[in-house]
């Protein structure tokens, strides 16, 4: 079971890493004037929301593990719920 859980965490972290790379690429494309600012901002907003949801899922899973609960029962929450959190 521990191997499966570590694999799920690696998958989530891999997705986060991929989205961070996409953010960097968007900023680079803007700097090279391949896209305009409104396009960059719209795409970044979507990536940031998805990143927030992934980080939230990862935190849920880790909290469940610490509490001796099944991390597989953690769920991706709606963007509207995750975006209302205060850091």
Protein backbone atom coordinates (compact mmCIF):
# COMPACT_ATOMS: atom_id res chain seq x y z
CA UNK A 1 0.00 0.00 0.00
CA UNK A 2 2.83 2.44 0.83
CA UNK A 3 4.29 2.03 -2.68
CA UNK A 4 0.94 2.85 -4.24
CA UNK A 5 0.57 5.94 -2.08
CA UNK A 6 4.10 7.13 -2.89
CA UNK A 7 3.31 6.58 -6.58
CA UNK A 8 0.16 8.70 -6.34
CA UNK A 9 2.11 11.49 -4.63
CA UNK A 10 4.81 11.33 -7.32
CA UNK A 11 2.10 11.58 -9.98
CA UNK A 12 0.60 14.69 -8.35
CA UNK A 13 4.04 16.27 -7.93
CA UNK A 14 4.85 15.45 -11.56
CA UNK A 15 1.68 17.22 -12.68
CA UNK A 16 2.62 20.23 -10.53
CA UNK A 17 6.11 20.32 -12.05
CA UNK A 18 4.63 20.15 -15.54
CA UNK A 19 2.30 23.08 -14.86
CA UNK A 20 5.13 25.16 -13.40
CA UNK A 21 7.05 24.53 -16.64
CA UNK A 22 4.01 25.65 -18.62
CA UNK A 23 3.86 28.86 -16.57
CA UNK A 24 7.51 29.57 -17.34
CA UNK A 25 6.96 28.86 -21.03
CA UNK A 26 4.02 31.28 -21.15
CA UNK A 27 6.11 34.02 -19.57
CA UNK A 28 8.96 33.31 -22.01
CA UNK A 29 6.57 33.42 -24.96
CA UNK A 30 5.25 36.78 -23.76
CA UNK A 31 8.81 38.10 -23.44
CA UNK A 32 9.51 36.96 -27.02
CA UNK A 33 6.23 38.62 -28.05
CA UNK A 34 4.84 35.33 -29.39
CA UNK A 35 1.63 35.89 -27.40
CA UNK A 36 -0.04 39.00 -26.06
CA UNK A 37 -0.61 39.90 -22.41
CA UNK A 38 -4.34 39.07 -22.28
CA UNK A 39 -3.61 35.58 -23.66
CA UNK A 40 -0.80 35.05 -21.17
CA UNK A 41 -2.92 36.25 -18.24
CA UNK A 42 -5.87 34.05 -19.19
CA UNK A 43 -3.71 30.94 -19.54
CA UNK A 44 -1.79 31.71 -16.35
CA UNK A 45 -5.03 32.13 -14.42
CA UNK A 46 -6.13 28.66 -15.51
CA UNK A 47 -2.78 27.13 -14.59
CA UNK A 48 -2.73 28.84 -11.21
CA UNK A 49 -6.18 27.51 -10.38
CA UNK A 50 -5.19 23.99 -11.38
CA UNK A 51 -1.97 24.28 -9.36
CA UNK A 52 -3.96 25.36 -6.30
CA UNK A 53 -6.20 22.34 -6.71
CA UNK A 54 -3.21 19.98 -7.00
CA UNK A 55 -1.47 21.45 -3.95
CA UNK A 56 -4.74 21.16 -2.03
CA UNK A 57 -5.09 17.49 -2.99
CA UNK A 58 -1.51 16.82 -1.95
CA UNK A 59 -2.08 18.52 1.43
CA UNK A 60 -5.28 16.51 1.94
CA UNK A 61 -3.49 13.26 1.18
CA UNK A 62 -0.60 14.06 3.53
CA UNK A 63 -2.98 15.08 6.32
CA UNK A 64 -4.91 11.84 5.91
CA UNK A 65 -1.68 9.82 6.09
CA UNK A 66 -0.65 11.64 9.30
CA UNK A 67 -4.09 10.94 10.78
CA UNK A 68 -3.82 7.23 9.91
CA UNK A 69 -6.56 7.52 7.28
CA UNK A 70 -6.64 6.37 3.67
CA UNK A 71 -5.08 9.06 1.46
CA UNK A 72 -6.95 7.58 -1.49
CA UNK A 73 -10.12 9.05 -0.06
CA UNK A 74 -8.86 12.61 -0.64
CA UNK A 75 -10.73 14.34 -3.44
CA UNK A 76 -9.95 17.12 -5.86
CA UNK A 77 -12.05 20.02 -4.65
CA UNK A 78 -13.82 22.48 -6.94
CA UNK A 79 -11.83 25.54 -7.95
CA UNK A 80 -14.42 27.76 -6.28
CA UNK A 81 -13.70 26.09 -2.94
CA UNK A 82 -9.91 26.00 -3.25
CA UNK A 83 -9.62 29.55 -4.54
CA UNK A 84 -11.41 30.92 -1.47
CA UNK A 85 -8.71 29.64 0.91
CA UNK A 86 -6.46 32.13 2.59
CA UNK A 87 -2.75 31.31 2.62
